[in-house]
């Protein structure tokens, strides 16, 4: 296994993002990375 660290900046021109907005986007990113590469969050 290999370890990789990613950093994301999230923002919106329309509103302040809530914790729920950010959590939903992070889940979508993790799901896409897992599907594309098999990557998973270390426990």
Protein backbone atom coordinates (compact mmCIF):
# COMPACT_ATOMS: atom_id res chain seq x y z
CA UNK A 1 0.00 0.00 0.00
CA UNK A 2 1.03 3.59 -0.61
CA UNK A 3 0.08 6.72 1.29
CA UNK A 4 -0.96 9.94 -0.40
CA UNK A 5 -2.05 13.22 1.14
CA UNK A 6 -4.43 15.52 -0.71
CA UNK A 7 -5.52 19.04 0.19
CA UNK A 8 -8.69 20.63 -1.14
CA UNK A 9 -9.92 24.20 -1.08
CA UNK A 10 -13.69 24.54 -1.28
CA UNK A 11 -15.64 27.71 -1.72
CA UNK A 12 -18.79 29.11 -3.24
CA UNK A 13 -19.47 32.44 -4.91
CA UNK A 14 -23.12 32.11 -3.88
CA UNK A 15 -23.06 31.34 -0.14
CA UNK A 16 -21.01 30.34 2.86
CA UNK A 17 -20.57 26.57 2.82
CA UNK A 18 -21.98 24.74 5.81
CA UNK A 19 -20.35 21.72 7.43
CA UNK A 20 -22.99 19.57 5.69
CA UNK A 21 -22.10 21.05 2.28
CA UNK A 22 -18.42 20.30 2.83
CA UNK A 23 -19.10 16.79 4.17
CA UNK A 24 -21.24 15.94 1.12
CA UNK A 25 -18.54 17.15 -1.26
CA UNK A 26 -15.80 15.25 0.58
CA UNK A 27 -17.87 12.05 0.46
CA UNK A 28 -18.33 12.50 -3.30
CA UNK A 29 -14.58 13.05 -3.79
CA UNK A 30 -13.72 9.97 -1.71
CA UNK A 31 -16.26 7.85 -3.61
CA UNK A 32 -14.87 9.00 -6.98
CA UNK A 33 -11.27 8.33 -5.93
CA UNK A 34 -12.22 4.89 -4.64
CA UNK A 35 -14.02 4.03 -7.87
CA UNK A 36 -11.20 5.31 -10.10
CA UNK A 37 -8.20 3.99 -8.17
CA UNK A 38 -9.35 1.75 -5.33
CA UNK A 39 -8.10 4.36 -2.84
CA UNK A 40 -9.55 4.32 0.65
CA UNK A 41 -9.29 6.39 3.81
CA UNK A 42 -6.83 4.97 6.31
CA UNK A 43 -8.47 3.97 9.60
